[in-house]
């Protein structure tokens, strides 16, 4: 884990920045479906998954998405390929990862295995 943020942008949240080699697969932490995908200059490709019990997981800084909106995924399924986003001057490739439940941030480190 490169960094974790108990608050970010003026609000309370949990965010992990997880370093990995560029081109590494990004995998879903839970069963669910793809709710949203988008690209922007600040974050690269973003994918948001909807899970049971009102949970959502957010994965940013991807160079390629492997799933589309409405696709179902199982925990451990590759959903994206990790990239590097030049607009935020990343020194190394890393995944920006968040987990929410009913609008409340959860500690995502409790849901991942290294």
Protein backbone atom coordinates (compact mmCIF):
# COMPACT_ATOMS: atom_id res chain seq x y z
CA UNK A 1 0.00 0.00 0.00
CA UNK A 2 1.51 3.26 -1.14
CA UNK A 3 -0.78 5.57 0.85
CA UNK A 4 -4.02 5.54 2.77
CA UNK A 5 -6.16 8.58 3.49
CA UNK A 6 -8.54 8.81 6.46
CA UNK A 7 -9.79 12.09 4.96
CA UNK A 8 -9.54 13.30 1.40
CA UNK A 9 -10.75 16.45 -0.29
CA UNK A 10 -12.23 17.79 2.94
CA UNK A 11 -14.45 14.82 3.76
CA UNK A 12 -14.02 11.64 5.74
CA UNK A 13 -13.25 8.59 3.64
CA UNK A 14 -10.90 5.66 3.29
CA UNK A 15 -8.77 5.46 0.16
CA UNK A 16 -5.95 3.09 -0.60
CA UNK A 17 -3.29 3.67 -3.22
CA UNK A 18 -1.88 0.24 -3.99
CA UNK A 19 1.32 0.02 -6.04
CA UNK A 20 1.70 -2.68 -8.67
CA UNK A 21 3.47 -3.02 -12.00
CA UNK A 22 1.81 -1.18 -14.86
CA UNK A 23 -0.32 -3.66 -16.81
CA UNK A 24 -1.26 -5.71 -13.72
CA UNK A 25 -4.82 -7.02 -13.56
CA UNK A 26 -7.22 -5.19 -11.25
CA UNK A 27 -9.62 -7.62 -9.59
CA UNK A 28 -13.02 -7.21 -7.97
CA UNK A 29 -12.96 -7.60 -4.20
CA UNK A 30 -16.58 -8.82 -4.02
CA UNK A 31 -19.26 -10.36 -6.24
CA UNK A 32 -21.33 -7.73 -7.99
CA UNK A 33 -22.06 -5.92 -11.24
CA UNK A 34 -20.55 -2.99 -13.10
CA UNK A 35 -22.53 0.13 -12.22
CA UNK A 36 -20.46 2.83 -13.95
CA UNK A 37 -17.41 3.34 -16.15
CA UNK A 38 -15.79 6.54 -17.35
CA UNK A 39 -12.49 8.11 -18.36
CA UNK A 40 -11.17 11.48 -17.31
CA UNK A 41 -7.79 13.13 -17.43
CA UNK A 42 -7.32 13.20 -13.66
CA UNK A 43 -8.21 9.56 -12.93
CA UNK A 44 -7.76 7.60 -16.15
CA UNK A 45 -10.32 4.81 -16.58
CA UNK A 46 -12.68 4.44 -13.60
CA UNK A 47 -14.88 1.45 -12.87
CA UNK A 48 -17.47 1.30 -10.08
CA UNK A 49 -19.02 -1.99 -9.00
CA UNK A 50 -22.31 -2.43 -7.13
CA UNK A 51 -22.36 -5.20 -4.52
CA UNK A 52 -24.96 -6.61 -2.16
CA UNK A 53 -25.80 -4.86 1.11
CA UNK A 54 -25.50 -1.41 -0.50
CA UNK A 55 -21.75 -1.65 -1.05
CA UNK A 56 -19.88 -0.05 -3.95
CA UNK A 57 -16.21 -0.39 -4.85
CA UNK A 58 -14.31 2.21 -6.87
CA UNK A 59 -11.16 1.50 -8.89
CA UNK A 60 -9.25 4.38 -10.56
CA UNK A 61 -6.03 4.87 -12.62
CA UNK A 62 -6.69 2.05 -15.06
CA UNK A 63 -5.32 2.02 -18.61
CA UNK A 64 -7.99 -0.37 -19.90
CA UNK A 65 -11.34 -1.73 -18.72
CA UNK A 66 -12.17 -5.41 -19.16
CA UNK A 67 -15.84 -5.14 -18.17
CA UNK A 68 -18.77 -2.95 -19.26
CA UNK A 69 -21.80 -1.50 -17.47
CA UNK A 70 -24.23 -4.25 -16.35
CA UNK A 71 -21.63 -7.04 -16.56
CA UNK A 72 -21.73 -9.39 -13.57
CA UNK A 73 -18.46 -10.19 -11.84
CA UNK A 74 -17.34 -12.60 -9.16
CA UNK A 75 -14.83 -11.77 -6.44
CA UNK A 76 -11.36 -12.16 -7.94
CA UNK A 77 -12.49 -11.46 -11.51
CA UNK A 78 -10.16 -9.21 -13.52
CA UNK A 79 -12.09 -6.02 -14.27
CA UNK A 80 -9.36 -3.68 -15.55
CA UNK A 81 -5.66 -3.31 -16.39
CA UNK A 82 -3.68 -1.00 -14.13
CA UNK A 83 -2.11 2.04 -15.73
CA UNK A 84 -0.27 5.19 -14.88
CA UNK A 85 -1.86 8.59 -15.09
CA UNK A 86 0.55 11.29 -16.26
CA UNK A 87 -1.82 14.11 -15.32
CA UNK A 88 -1.33 13.38 -11.61
CA UNK A 89 2.41 12.77 -12.08
CA UNK A 90 2.44 9.25 -10.73
CA UNK A 91 5.97 8.06 -10.15
CA UNK A 92 4.77 4.47 -10.23
CA UNK A 93 1.59 2.75 -11.32
CA UNK A 94 -0.93 2.45 -8.53
CA UNK A 95 -4.58 1.64 -8.03
CA UNK A 96 -6.82 4.15 -6.28
CA UNK A 97 -9.32 1.97 -4.38
CA UNK A 98 -12.38 2.92 -2.30
CA UNK A 99 -15.23 0.93 -0.75
CA UNK A 100 -18.55 2.42 0.38
CA UNK A 101 -21.71 1.08 2.00
CA UNK A 102 -24.92 3.11 1.76
CA UNK A 103 -22.93 6.33 1.32
CA UNK A 104 -20.54 5.63 4.22
CA UNK A 105 -16.87 4.93 3.52
CA UNK A 106 -15.54 1.54 4.64
CA UNK A 107 -11.93 0.62 5.34
CA UNK A 108 -11.05 -1.15 2.06
CA UNK A 109 -8.00 -2.82 3.56
CA UNK A 110 -10.38 -5.19 5.37
CA UNK A 111 -11.58 -6.57 2.01
CA UNK A 112 -8.31 -7.22 0.17
CA UNK A 113 -5.64 -9.87 0.39
CA UNK A 114 -2.06 -9.23 -0.70
